[in-house]
């Protein structure tokens, strides 16, 4: 009887979480007077729903629009503005361009070339994907980098699955390009055990095990890309919004190893597949040109102290989303058959076909991810409006008696935990003034606390909502929330002591962080 009750409870776990979580968290509301406790209650509730997936991720992200007005924190009109902002527009433009890349099979061209360069063994594949992702995210938006790389990684994974199916059915040496075309649909199947059931039980188990191994590779490769994008953004000032926010705040003055024969066979099949794609068409070149144009516009918008094209416009009127949306809009009217139109001239009329149509984009883009991203901004906005950030600052002062390096570790872990349920930029916007104020209060160089905390705000690997790259990876369906938690937990814990150690020794030797500048005493820039 007890076992049956547990089974029924497990089947109804989503309903139970949705009903019980709000009730069990109610003591938080009454723990303190004011709106701060109500905001904390909502943040914890949304975090639980995100972690357990009791509601669809995008639906959970919309809850602040309901809950904030209900508890009197903000009205629905004000909180709704958090869902569509500059960063959201950047995300929309990136998703549209990513779809155009997939629509014209450009991702397959890149995928096959990556496989031919690095080979098909998992560790080389991960290196081949992570290096360009890491490098590009130093100069480009982490979001844009991951949006660009994930379709390529997905195409690589689909190719590997197609090849495995070919090996199982007819042997790698006999796998022809025609066969791969006929079996391509198998590579895109969801991982449903029912499709592998056969009369021979042992064969079914073998196929299931092979499919499980491939799914593990999908998870590893997908998460390695979002991790590389997150880490790469730390390396330069413009690599991520968190670093830019910090500057503004501180401007004072698994797969088994394959045999050699199999690897050679896979390379031969990949080479045939690559050759069968033929030369690049005009439409493919046009999409690649759009991507290159957007990348150049991102890189040259702000070149630091030497200017950039943004200086042509009034100050602070253009951001990374501006060229992104411009290029995305161009995809809807730029003719994919322009050479044909020019050849025909006045002899006959040819209808111009755009690179992509809105109906195609509407059907194929995961628009729910936009709401997921906006949900993080909504929570951050609520925290700011209710004074929850000031309340946190007051509570953090109890750590003033700790050794300064230990205080740094505590602050970094707090920020790393907080950034899992809000966007990195929103967390930095909320926490950096708090941390800087704490440094002034303790008469510690604020930069000594702000620099590692800034990096900690980018150490967010556990939840899809934590960063846009995480959300992009999650949208492909290979990775579940629990997969990200199991892998990301260690990724969140290990880097912080390393960051604090480097701040303590390397950072201090370069920037003299242990000295409290007297100019800070009367400064209000960080307050």
Foldseek 3Di string as FASTA:
>chain_A
DVVVVVVVCVVCVLVCLVPVLLVVLVVQCVPDDFCLSQLVSLLVSLVVCQLVVSDPLLVSLCCCLVRCVVVVLDHNVVLVVLLDDLVLLLLVLLLLLLVLCVVQCVLLLVLLVLCLVQFDDLVSSLVSLLVVLLQLLQQFELLNSLSNRVSNLLSNLLLVVLQVVVCVPPRLQPDAPVNSVVCSVVSVDDLDLVVLDDPDPVSSVVVNVVVVQSLVSLLVSLLSSSVSSLVSLLPHCRSYLLSVLLCQLPVDVDHDDDDPVVRVSSSVNSVNNSVVVPDDAQLSVVSVVLVVVLSVQSNQCQPDPVHHPVVVDPPPPDDSSVSSVVSSVQQAQPFSPVVVCVVCDPVDDDDGHGSDHVVVSVPPGPPSLSSLQSSQSSSLVSCVSRVSLVVVLVVLLVCLPPDPLVSLLVLLLVLLVSLQSHELNSSSNSHLLSQLVSCLVSLFQSCLNNSLNSSSSSLHQQGCNSYSSSVVSVVVPSDDNVNSNVVSVCSNPPCSNVSSVCSVPVVCVVPVRRDRDPVVNPDPSSD
